[in-house]
Amino acid sequence: MVDNTTQDWFGLQGREVNGWTAIQFKRLLDTCDVMDYPIKSGTNIVIYAYSLEDPVIIDGKATIKYHGDRRYTRAIPLQSYANPPSESKFTGLDYFDFQLHNYSVPSNETTYHCTVYKVPAKFPKRRHAIAHKAIIDPANIDIVHHMLMYECDPSAVFDDENLPSGICDDLGEVLMPCTSRIATGWAVGGDYINEFPEVAGYPVGGDFEIQYYVIQMHFNNIHQMSNRTDSSGMRFYLGNELRQYDIGYMTLGQISGATAIAIPPYDDRLVIDSYCPALAMQVSNL
C-alpha cells in the first residue's frame, strides 16, 4: 500500500469567464512526498482532464463527473531558466519581426514550414540586436513545437518580391545555402525573451554580410486539427549603439538520429560522447 493521505496542493481561487475556466493553486516545488514529482526548471509534462459538467455540491462535498476522453498533456515551463527580462525593458527601441501571416497549418501530424526573410532595408547601417523574442501565436501554443532561424550564405540570391515559403522538403535545393549556420531558435519550454550579454550583440543590416535568413517552423499537430492559421515568428530588438563584440552560435551535438540521445529507462546517469575535429575549434573558424 502506498500512503497518499497527505495533501500538498492548495487551491487559491477559480473563475469562469466567457467559457474559459481558470484555477489557481500553490504547491512547494519539492514536497518531499514520494507521490509528488519535484517541479524543476525547464520543461515539465503536465497532465490534465476535464468534464463538460460542473461539479455537484451535496452536503458541502463536490461530486466531479468523469472526464471521458477529454484528457490531454502539455509540455510547459513551470520555472524560468534565467529570470528573463520584461519586454517593457525594450520599449522605445527599434525592432523588426520575421513572422508568418495567417499561414494555414496542414492537418498533418507533423509539418516543417520554411520561409526566407530579408533584413529590412530601413537599416542601412550595421546595428546590434540586443535581445530577441519568440512570437508564438496565442491560438497555437499547443501545436507550435519549435523554430530554428538559419543564416543564408552571403552568396545566396533570392527574388525579394517573391521570397520562398512553403513545406521545407519541397524547397530543398532552394534552401541549400541556408542550412549550415543557426542564428537563433526557440522550443517548447524555452524562455520567450532572451537578452544578450551587455558587451555583445547580434549584427544586423548595413555592411554585415548576412542579408537573408530562413525560419524553419515545426508544427506538432498530434490531433490533426484543420482550420488552424498561424502568425508565429521571431522579433529582434536593436540597441542604439554598437557593442564591443558580435555574437554568434556554436552548435554541438549528435546528428545521427534520435536514438543517439535516447535515455534508457531507469538509468540514473547517461554519458554521450561526441567528437569534434580540431579544425572546427580553431578561433579563426568560429
C-alpha atoms as a PDB file:
ATOM      1  CA  MET A   1       0.000   0.000   0.000  1.00  0.00           C
ATOM      2  CA  VAL A   2       1.203   3.497  -0.841  1.00  0.00           C
ATOM      3  CA  ASP A   3       0.182   6.192   1.615  1.00  0.00           C
ATOM      4  CA  ASN A   4      -1.152   9.227  -0.257  1.00  0.00           C
ATOM      5  CA  THR A   5      -3.196  10.728   2.558  1.00  0.00           C
ATOM      6  CA  THR A   6      -1.192  13.970   2.690  1.00  0.00           C
ATOM      7  CA  GLN A   7      -2.429  16.927   0.652  1.00  0.00           C
ATOM      8  CA  ASP A   8       0.325  19.089  -0.828  1.00  0.00           C
ATOM      9  CA  TRP A   9      -1.754  21.080  -3.321  1.00  0.00           C
ATOM     10  CA  PHE A  10      -3.790  24.042  -2.079  1.00  0.00           C
ATOM     11  CA  GLY A  11      -6.461  25.784  -4.138  1.00  0.00           C
ATOM     12  CA  LEU A  12      -6.411  29.584  -4.084  1.00  0.00           C
ATOM     13  CA  GLN A  13      -9.187  30.619  -6.456  1.00  0.00           C
ATOM     14  CA  GLY A  14     -11.195  29.636  -9.502  1.00  0.00           C
ATOM     15  CA  ARG A  15     -13.218  31.571 -12.038  1.00  0.00           C
ATOM     16  CA  GLU A  16     -15.118  31.093 -15.266  1.00  0.00           C
ATOM     17  CA  VAL A  17     -15.384  33.937 -17.785  1.00  0.00           C
ATOM     18  CA  ASN A  18     -16.828  33.728 -21.293  1.00  0.00           C
ATOM     19  CA  GLY A  19     -16.436  29.970 -21.443  1.00  0.00           C
ATOM     20  CA  TRP A  20     -12.869  29.945 -20.060  1.00  0.00           C
ATOM     21  CA  THR A  21     -12.135  28.300 -16.722  1.00  0.00           C
ATOM     22  CA  ALA A  22      -9.066  29.284 -14.677  1.00  0.00           C
ATOM     23  CA  ILE A  23      -7.916  27.659 -11.442  1.00  0.00           C
ATOM     24  CA  GLN A  24      -5.092  28.996  -9.286  1.00  0.00           C
ATOM     25  CA  PHE A  25      -3.296  26.826  -6.756  1.00  0.00           C
ATOM     26  CA  LYS A  26       0.012  26.563  -4.965  1.00  0.00           C
ATOM     27  CA  ARG A  27       2.443  23.813  -4.061  1.00  0.00           C
ATOM     28  CA  LEU A  28       6.035  23.547  -2.873  1.00  0.00           C
ATOM     29  CA  LEU A  29       8.492  22.960  -5.706  1.00  0.00           C
ATOM     30  CA  ASP A  30       9.657  19.864  -3.860  1.00  0.00           C
ATOM     31  CA  THR A  31       7.161  18.461  -1.362  1.00  0.00           C
ATOM     32  CA  CYS A  32       9.446  15.579  -0.309  1.00  0.00           C
ATOM     33  CA  ASP A  33       6.431  13.348  -0.919  1.00  0.00           C
ATOM     34  CA  VAL A  34       7.187  10.213  -2.954  1.00  0.00           C
ATOM     35  CA  MET A  35       3.759  10.589  -4.581  1.00  0.00           C
ATOM     36  CA  ASP A  36       4.649  14.037  -5.965  1.00  0.00           C
ATOM     37  CA  TYR A  37       7.085  14.938  -8.720  1.00  0.00           C
ATOM     38  CA  PRO A  38       9.502  17.795  -7.923  1.00  0.00           C
ATOM     39  CA  ILE A  39       8.878  20.854 -10.098  1.00  0.00           C
ATOM     40  CA  LYS A  40      12.201  21.657 -11.751  1.00  0.00           C
ATOM     41  CA  SER A  41      13.436  24.319 -14.144  1.00  0.00           C
ATOM     42  CA  GLY A  42      12.922  23.580 -17.803  1.00  0.00           C
ATOM     43  CA  THR A  43      10.123  21.709 -19.478  1.00  0.00           C
ATOM     44  CA  ASN A  44       7.593  19.801 -17.397  1.00  0.00           C
ATOM     45  CA  ILE A  45       4.891  17.491 -18.723  1.00  0.00           C
ATOM     46  CA  VAL A  46       1.506  18.439 -17.271  1.00  0.00           C
ATOM     47  CA  ILE A  47      -1.423  16.010 -17.456  1.00  0.00           C
ATOM     48  CA  TYR A  48      -4.952  17.385 -17.250  1.00  0.00           C
ATOM     49  CA  ALA A  49      -8.543  16.309 -17.815  1.00  0.00           C
ATOM     50  CA  TYR A  50     -11.936  17.949 -17.537  1.00  0.00           C
ATOM     51  CA  SER A  51     -15.646  17.216 -17.696  1.00  0.00           C
ATOM     52  CA  LEU A  52     -18.232  19.276 -19.539  1.00  0.00           C
ATOM     53  CA  GLU A  53     -20.469  19.260 -16.458  1.00  0.00           C
ATOM     54  CA  ASP A  54     -19.962  21.433 -13.398  1.00  0.00           C
ATOM     55  CA  PRO A  55     -19.338  19.631 -10.085  1.00  0.00           C
ATOM     56  CA  VAL A  56     -22.417  18.949  -7.980  1.00  0.00           C
ATOM     57  CA  ILE A  57     -22.080  20.002  -4.329  1.00  0.00           C
ATOM     58  CA  ILE A  58     -24.002  17.879  -1.826  1.00  0.00           C
ATOM     59  CA  ASP A  59     -23.603  18.386   1.932  1.00  0.00           C
ATOM     60  CA  GLY A  60     -20.523  20.504   1.344  1.00  0.00           C
ATOM     61  CA  LYS A  61     -18.792  17.901  -0.826  1.00  0.00           C
ATOM     62  CA  ALA A  62     -18.280  18.183  -4.573  1.00  0.00           C
ATOM     63  CA  THR A  63     -19.016  15.284  -6.889  1.00  0.00           C
ATOM     64  CA  ILE A  64     -16.873  15.591 -10.018  1.00  0.00           C
ATOM     65  CA  LYS A  65     -18.163  13.968 -13.190  1.00  0.00           C
ATOM     66  CA  TYR A  66     -15.922  11.605 -15.189  1.00  0.00           C
ATOM     67  CA  HIS A  67     -13.959  13.379 -17.926  1.00  0.00           C
ATOM     68  CA  GLY A  68     -14.394  10.691 -20.587  1.00  0.00           C
ATOM     69  CA  ASP A  69     -11.875  11.043 -23.405  1.00  0.00           C
ATOM     70  CA  ARG A  70     -11.141  14.706 -22.608  1.00  0.00           C
ATOM     71  CA  ARG A  71      -7.650  14.095 -21.230  1.00  0.00           C
ATOM     72  CA  TYR A  72      -4.526  15.792 -22.514  1.00  0.00           C
ATOM     73  CA  THR A  73      -0.867  16.530 -21.856  1.00  0.00           C
ATOM     74  CA  ARG A  74       1.092  19.738 -22.323  1.00  0.00           C
ATOM     75  CA  ALA A  75       4.840  20.411 -22.167  1.00  0.00           C
ATOM     76  CA  ILE A  76       5.286  23.747 -20.400  1.00  0.00           C
ATOM     77  CA  PRO A  77       7.991  25.508 -18.348  1.00  0.00           C
ATOM     78  CA  LEU A  78       6.849  25.911 -14.746  1.00  0.00           C
ATOM     79  CA  GLN A  79      10.091  27.667 -13.814  1.00  0.00           C
ATOM     80  CA  SER A  80      12.158  30.018 -15.953  1.00  0.00           C
ATOM     81  CA  TYR A  81      15.755  29.127 -16.767  1.00  0.00           C
ATOM     82  CA  ALA A  82      17.286  32.519 -16.069  1.00  0.00           C
ATOM     83  CA  ASN A  83      14.717  35.133 -14.993  1.00  0.00           C
ATOM     84  CA  PRO A  84      14.156  36.678 -18.445  1.00  0.00           C
ATOM     85  CA  PRO A  85      13.660  40.447 -18.583  1.00  0.00           C
ATOM     86  CA  SER A  86      10.279  42.057 -19.006  1.00  0.00           C
ATOM     87  CA  GLU A  87       9.507  43.146 -22.554  1.00  0.00           C
ATOM     88  CA  SER A  88       8.929  46.657 -21.213  1.00  0.00           C
ATOM     89  CA  LYS A  89      12.713  46.947 -20.822  1.00  0.00           C
ATOM     90  CA  PHE A  90      12.987  47.317 -24.605  1.00  0.00           C
ATOM     91  CA  THR A  91      10.187  49.856 -25.049  1.00  0.00           C
ATOM     92  CA  GLY A  92      11.206  52.580 -27.484  1.00  0.00           C
ATOM     93  CA  LEU A  93      13.894  50.546 -29.249  1.00  0.00           C
ATOM     94  CA  ASP A  94      13.815  49.787 -32.959  1.00  0.00           C
ATOM     95  CA  TYR A  95      12.781  46.234 -33.772  1.00  0.00           C
ATOM     96  CA  PHE A  96      11.804  44.038 -36.683  1.00  0.00           C
ATOM     97  CA  ASP A  97       9.824  40.807 -36.979  1.00  0.00           C
ATOM     98  CA  PHE A  98      10.280  37.722 -39.115  1.00  0.00           C
ATOM     99  CA  GLN A  99       6.757  36.369 -38.841  1.00  0.00           C
ATOM    100  CA  LEU A 100       4.201  34.208 -40.612  1.00  0.00           C
ATOM    101  CA  HIS A 101       0.927  35.853 -41.592  1.00  0.00           C
ATOM    102  CA  ASN A 102      -2.150  33.653 -41.192  1.00  0.00           C
ATOM    103  CA  TYR A 103      -0.397  30.567 -42.506  1.00  0.00           C
ATOM    104  CA  SER A 104      -2.880  27.703 -42.936  1.00  0.00           C
ATOM    105  CA  VAL A 105      -1.408  24.880 -40.867  1.00  0.00           C
ATOM    106  CA  PRO A 106      -1.904  21.487 -42.569  1.00  0.00           C
ATOM    107  CA  SER A 107      -3.901  18.858 -40.694  1.00  0.00           C
ATOM    108  CA  ASN A 108      -0.893  16.518 -40.843  1.00  0.00           C
ATOM    109  CA  GLU A 109       0.530  15.403 -37.519  1.00  0.00           C
ATOM    110  CA  THR A 110       3.951  16.890 -38.346  1.00  0.00           C
ATOM    111  CA  THR A 111       4.714  19.886 -40.559  1.00  0.00           C
ATOM    112  CA  TYR A 112       8.014  21.663 -41.144  1.00  0.00           C
ATOM    113  CA  HIS A 113       7.405  25.032 -42.790  1.00  0.00           C
ATOM    114  CA  CYS A 114      10.261  27.217 -44.073  1.00  0.00           C
ATOM    115  CA  THR A 115      10.233  30.891 -45.042  1.00  0.00           C
ATOM    116  CA  VAL A 116      13.062  33.076 -46.361  1.00  0.00           C
ATOM    117  CA  TYR A 117      13.266  36.588 -44.890  1.00  0.00           C
ATOM    118  CA  LYS A 118      15.447  39.575 -45.757  1.00  0.00           C
ATOM    119  CA  VAL A 119      16.763  42.154 -43.309  1.00  0.00           C
ATOM    120  CA  PRO A 120      14.554  45.264 -43.626  1.00  0.00           C
ATOM    121  CA  ALA A 121      16.025  47.944 -45.898  1.00  0.00           C
ATOM    122  CA  LYS A 122      15.383  50.601 -43.246  1.00  0.00           C
ATOM    123  CA  PHE A 123      18.606  49.574 -41.506  1.00  0.00           C
ATOM    124  CA  PRO A 124      21.296  50.839 -43.949  1.00  0.00           C
ATOM    125  CA  LYS A 125      23.923  50.895 -41.197  1.00  0.00           C
ATOM    126  CA  ARG A 126      25.070  47.952 -39.113  1.00  0.00           C
ATOM    127  CA  ARG A 127      23.125  47.581 -35.878  1.00  0.00           C
ATOM    128  CA  HIS A 128      23.329  45.170 -32.976  1.00  0.00           C
ATOM    129  CA  ALA A 129      20.313  43.148 -31.887  1.00  0.00           C
ATOM    130  CA  ILE A 130      20.486  43.057 -28.095  1.00  0.00           C
ATOM    131  CA  ALA A 131      17.554  40.705 -27.469  1.00  0.00           C
ATOM    132  CA  HIS A 132      15.074  38.542 -29.303  1.00  0.00           C
ATOM    133  CA  LYS A 133      11.570  37.373 -28.557  1.00  0.00           C
ATOM    134  CA  ALA A 134       9.800  34.254 -29.751  1.00  0.00           C
ATOM    135  CA  ILE A 135       6.379  35.358 -31.001  1.00  0.00           C
ATOM    136  CA  ILE A 136       4.074  32.388 -30.507  1.00  0.00           C
ATOM    137  CA  ASP A 137       0.544  32.770 -31.816  1.00  0.00           C
ATOM    138  CA  PRO A 138      -1.659  32.505 -28.678  1.00  0.00           C
ATOM    139  CA  ALA A 139      -4.153  30.358 -30.588  1.00  0.00           C
ATOM    140  CA  ASN A 140      -1.485  27.786 -31.433  1.00  0.00           C
ATOM    141  CA  ILE A 141       0.542  27.330 -28.270  1.00  0.00           C
ATOM    142  CA  ASP A 142      -0.483  23.680 -28.354  1.00  0.00           C
ATOM    143  CA  ILE A 143       0.917  22.958 -31.831  1.00  0.00           C
ATOM    144  CA  VAL A 144       3.968  25.240 -32.284  1.00  0.00           C
ATOM    145  CA  HIS A 145       6.748  22.925 -31.142  1.00  0.00           C
ATOM    146  CA  HIS A 146       9.929  24.777 -32.102  1.00  0.00           C
ATOM    147  CA  MET A 147      11.528  27.069 -34.637  1.00  0.00           C
ATOM    148  CA  LEU A 148      15.083  27.471 -35.895  1.00  0.00           C
ATOM    149  CA  MET A 149      16.449  30.508 -37.667  1.00  0.00           C
ATOM    150  CA  TYR A 150      19.310  29.934 -40.110  1.00  0.00           C
ATOM    151  CA  GLU A 151      21.703  32.378 -41.753  1.00  0.00           C
ATOM    152  CA  CYS A 152      21.890  32.165 -45.542  1.00  0.00           C
ATOM    153  CA  ASP A 153      25.301  32.181 -47.204  1.00  0.00           C
ATOM    154  CA  PRO A 154      26.312  35.698 -48.341  1.00  0.00           C
ATOM    155  CA  SER A 155      26.327  34.419 -51.925  1.00  0.00           C
ATOM    156  CA  ALA A 156      22.628  33.451 -51.750  1.00  0.00           C
ATOM    157  CA  VAL A 157      20.389  35.358 -54.164  1.00  0.00           C
ATOM    158  CA  PHE A 158      16.586  35.465 -53.973  1.00  0.00           C
ATOM    159  CA  ASP A 159      13.782  37.392 -55.619  1.00  0.00           C
ATOM    160  CA  ASP A 160      12.964  39.968 -52.953  1.00  0.00           C
ATOM    161  CA  GLU A 161       9.457  40.339 -54.348  1.00  0.00           C
ATOM    162  CA  ASN A 162       8.756  36.605 -54.075  1.00  0.00           C
ATOM    163  CA  LEU A 163      10.799  35.100 -51.247  1.00  0.00           C
ATOM    164  CA  PRO A 164      10.475  31.295 -50.959  1.00  0.00           C
ATOM    165  CA  SER A 165       7.946  29.972 -48.452  1.00  0.00           C
ATOM    166  CA  GLY A 166       6.442  26.507 -48.075  1.00  0.00           C
ATOM    167  CA  ILE A 167       6.988  22.957 -46.859  1.00  0.00           C
ATOM    168  CA  CYS A 168      10.714  22.616 -46.134  1.00  0.00           C
ATOM    169  CA  ASP A 169      11.160  19.349 -48.052  1.00  0.00           C
ATOM    170  CA  ASP A 170       9.639  20.956 -51.145  1.00  0.00           C
ATOM    171  CA  LEU A 171      12.217  23.766 -51.002  1.00  0.00           C
ATOM    172  CA  GLY A 172      15.257  21.516 -50.554  1.00  0.00           C
ATOM    173  CA  GLU A 173      17.555  22.837 -53.294  1.00  0.00           C
ATOM    174  CA  VAL A 174      16.364  26.414 -52.903  1.00  0.00           C
ATOM    175  CA  LEU A 175      17.310  26.401 -49.215  1.00  0.00           C
ATOM    176  CA  MET A 176      20.690  24.682 -49.587  1.00  0.00           C
ATOM    177  CA  PRO A 177      22.619  27.956 -48.955  1.00  0.00           C
ATOM    178  CA  CYS A 178      20.646  28.446 -45.726  1.00  0.00           C
ATOM    179  CA  THR A 179      21.083  25.241 -43.737  1.00  0.00           C
ATOM    180  CA  SER A 180      24.543  25.303 -42.170  1.00  0.00           C
ATOM    181  CA  ARG A 181      24.587  28.171 -39.653  1.00  0.00           C
ATOM    182  CA  ILE A 182      21.996  28.682 -36.930  1.00  0.00           C
ATOM    183  CA  ALA A 183      21.274  32.275 -35.932  1.00  0.00           C
ATOM    184  CA  THR A 184      18.895  31.505 -33.065  1.00  0.00           C
ATOM    185  CA  GLY A 185      15.978  29.316 -32.111  1.00  0.00           C
ATOM    186  CA  TRP A 186      13.199  28.538 -29.666  1.00  0.00           C
ATOM    187  CA  ALA A 187      11.489  25.360 -28.484  1.00  0.00           C
ATOM    188  CA  VAL A 188       8.719  24.401 -26.093  1.00  0.00           C
ATOM    189  CA  GLY A 189       9.977  25.024 -22.571  1.00  0.00           C
ATOM    190  CA  GLY A 190      12.323  27.845 -23.548  1.00  0.00           C
ATOM    191  CA  ASP A 191      12.040  31.442 -22.373  1.00  0.00           C
ATOM    192  CA  TYR A 192      10.194  33.673 -24.814  1.00  0.00           C
ATOM    193  CA  ILE A 193      12.579  36.614 -24.373  1.00  0.00           C
ATOM    194  CA  ASN A 194      16.363  36.245 -24.422  1.00  0.00           C
ATOM    195  CA  GLU A 195      18.714  39.159 -23.782  1.00  0.00           C
ATOM    196  CA  PHE A 196      22.325  39.083 -24.957  1.00  0.00           C
ATOM    197  CA  PRO A 197      25.309  39.963 -22.698  1.00  0.00           C
ATOM    198  CA  GLU A 198      25.917  43.709 -22.374  1.00  0.00           C
ATOM    199  CA  VAL A 199      29.228  43.531 -24.267  1.00  0.00           C
ATOM    200  CA  ALA A 200      27.863  41.735 -27.338  1.00  0.00           C
ATOM    201  CA  GLY A 201      25.070  41.899 -29.892  1.00  0.00           C
ATOM    202  CA  TYR A 202      23.930  40.061 -32.989  1.00  0.00           C
ATOM    203  CA  PRO A 203      24.919  42.101 -36.090  1.00  0.00           C
ATOM    204  CA  VAL A 204      22.121  43.131 -38.434  1.00  0.00           C
ATOM    205  CA  GLY A 205      21.985  45.172 -41.635  1.00  0.00           C
ATOM    206  CA  GLY A 206      24.481  47.603 -43.112  1.00  0.00           C
ATOM    207  CA  ASP A 207      27.784  46.019 -44.104  1.00  0.00           C
ATOM    208  CA  PHE A 208      27.044  42.747 -42.288  1.00  0.00           C
ATOM    209  CA  GLU A 209      27.395  40.063 -44.933  1.00  0.00           C
ATOM    210  CA  ILE A 210      24.262  38.106 -43.998  1.00  0.00           C
ATOM    211  CA  GLN A 211      21.205  39.572 -45.698  1.00  0.00           C
ATOM    212  CA  TYR A 212      18.837  36.587 -45.852  1.00  0.00           C
ATOM    213  CA  TYR A 213      17.573  34.181 -43.204  1.00  0.00           C
ATOM    214  CA  VAL A 214      15.327  31.134 -43.075  1.00  0.00           C
ATOM    215  CA  ILE A 215      12.959  30.313 -40.238  1.00  0.00           C
ATOM    216  CA  GLN A 216      12.016  26.661 -40.011  1.00  0.00           C
ATOM    217  CA  MET A 217       8.790  26.230 -38.033  1.00  0.00           C
ATOM    218  CA  HIS A 218       7.771  22.844 -36.658  1.00  0.00           C
ATOM    219  CA  PHE A 219       4.061  22.294 -36.053  1.00  0.00           C
ATOM    220  CA  ASN A 220       3.218  19.248 -33.943  1.00  0.00           C
ATOM    221  CA  ASN A 221      -0.475  18.822 -34.718  1.00  0.00           C
ATOM    222  CA  ILE A 222      -0.980  15.486 -32.987  1.00  0.00           C
ATOM    223  CA  HIS A 223      -4.781  15.722 -33.125  1.00  0.00           C
ATOM    224  CA  GLN A 224      -4.586  16.601 -36.842  1.00  0.00           C
ATOM    225  CA  MET A 225      -6.813  19.632 -36.441  1.00  0.00           C
ATOM    226  CA  SER A 226      -7.798  21.644 -39.510  1.00  0.00           C
ATOM    227  CA  ASN A 227      -8.724  25.301 -39.957  1.00  0.00           C
ATOM    228  CA  ARG A 228      -5.742  26.481 -37.912  1.00  0.00           C
ATOM    229  CA  THR A 229      -3.935  29.643 -39.074  1.00  0.00           C
ATOM    230  CA  ASP A 230      -0.655  30.752 -37.534  1.00  0.00           C
ATOM    231  CA  SER A 231       1.289  34.014 -37.244  1.00  0.00           C
ATOM    232  CA  SER A 232       4.250  32.931 -35.106  1.00  0.00           C
ATOM    233  CA  GLY A 233       7.801  34.160 -35.643  1.00  0.00           C
ATOM    234  CA  MET A 234      10.780  35.952 -34.117  1.00  0.00           C
ATOM    235  CA  ARG A 235      11.302  39.588 -33.059  1.00  0.00           C
ATOM    236  CA  PHE A 236      14.680  41.319 -32.728  1.00  0.00           C
ATOM    237  CA  TYR A 237      15.246  44.405 -30.575  1.00  0.00           C
ATOM    238  CA  LEU A 238      18.050  46.694 -31.781  1.00  0.00           C
ATOM    239  CA  GLY A 239      20.319  48.679 -29.482  1.00  0.00           C
ATOM    240  CA  ASN A 240      21.058  52.333 -30.135  1.00  0.00           C
ATOM    241  CA  GLU A 241      24.839  51.785 -30.198  1.00  0.00           C
ATOM    242  CA  LEU A 242      27.144  49.064 -31.478  1.00  0.00           C
ATOM    243  CA  ARG A 243      28.595  46.850 -28.786  1.00  0.00           C
ATOM    244  CA  GLN A 244      32.161  45.627 -28.397  1.00  0.00           C
ATOM    245  CA  TYR A 245      31.621  42.136 -29.805  1.00  0.00           C
ATOM    246  CA  ASP A 246      29.486  40.368 -32.389  1.00  0.00           C
ATOM    247  CA  ILE A 247      27.593  37.378 -31.018  1.00  0.00           C
ATOM    248  CA  GLY A 248      27.075  34.042 -32.741  1.00  0.00           C
ATOM    249  CA  TYR A 249      26.101  30.449 -32.034  1.00  0.00           C
ATOM    250  CA  MET A 250      28.256  27.350 -31.886  1.00  0.00           C
ATOM    251  CA  THR A 251      26.198  24.169 -32.280  1.00  0.00           C
ATOM    252  CA  LEU A 252      27.363  20.873 -30.800  1.00  0.00           C
ATOM    253  CA  GLY A 253      25.570  17.541 -30.565  1.00  0.00           C
ATOM    254  CA  GLN A 254      24.545  14.331 -32.236  1.00  0.00           C
ATOM    255  CA  ILE A 255      23.114  14.296 -35.759  1.00  0.00           C
ATOM    256  CA  SER A 256      22.955  10.532 -36.314  1.00  0.00           C
ATOM    257  CA  GLY A 257      19.340  10.241 -35.220  1.00  0.00           C
ATOM    258  CA  ALA A 258      17.020  10.484 -32.241  1.00  0.00           C
ATOM    259  CA  THR A 259      18.136   7.128 -30.840  1.00  0.00           C
ATOM    260  CA  ALA A 260      21.652   8.501 -30.344  1.00  0.00           C
ATOM    261  CA  ILE A 261      20.426  10.618 -27.434  1.00  0.00           C
ATOM    262  CA  ALA A 262      17.623   8.384 -26.166  1.00  0.00           C
ATOM    263  CA  ILE A 263      17.855   7.892 -22.405  1.00  0.00           C
ATOM    264  CA  PRO A 264      17.354   4.239 -21.431  1.00  0.00           C
ATOM    265  CA  PRO A 265      14.675   3.605 -18.784  1.00  0.00           C
ATOM    266  CA  TYR A 266      15.727   3.544 -15.132  1.00  0.00           C
ATOM    267  CA  ASP A 267      19.202   4.975 -15.834  1.00  0.00           C
ATOM    268  CA  ASP A 268      20.369   7.455 -13.205  1.00  0.00           C
ATOM    269  CA  ARG A 269      23.207   8.737 -15.402  1.00  0.00           C
ATOM    270  CA  LEU A 270      23.811   8.785 -19.138  1.00  0.00           C
ATOM    271  CA  VAL A 271      27.038   9.862 -20.850  1.00  0.00           C
ATOM    272  CA  ILE A 272      27.096  10.643 -24.570  1.00  0.00           C
ATOM    273  CA  ASP A 273      30.494  11.040 -26.220  1.00  0.00           C
ATOM    274  CA  SER A 274      30.800  13.441 -29.137  1.00  0.00           C
ATOM    275  CA  TYR A 275      33.906  14.128 -31.178  1.00  0.00           C
ATOM    276  CA  CYS A 276      34.842  17.413 -32.811  1.00  0.00           C
ATOM    277  CA  PRO A 277      37.806  17.827 -35.197  1.00  0.00           C
ATOM    278  CA  ALA A 278      40.490  20.245 -34.040  1.00  0.00           C
ATOM    279  CA  LEU A 279      40.000  22.363 -37.159  1.00  0.00           C
ATOM    280  CA  ALA A 280      36.447  23.199 -36.109  1.00  0.00           C
ATOM    281  CA  MET A 281      37.663  24.529 -32.758  1.00  0.00           C
ATOM    282  CA  GLN A 282      40.171  26.996 -34.178  1.00  0.00           C
ATOM    283  CA  VAL A 283      39.197  30.529 -33.220  1.00  0.00           C
ATOM    284  CA  SER A 284      39.697  31.774 -36.771  1.00  0.00           C
ATOM    285  CA  ASN A 285      36.923  29.463 -37.961  1.00  0.00           C
ATOM    286  CA  LEU A 286      34.309  30.425 -35.364  1.00  0.00           C
END
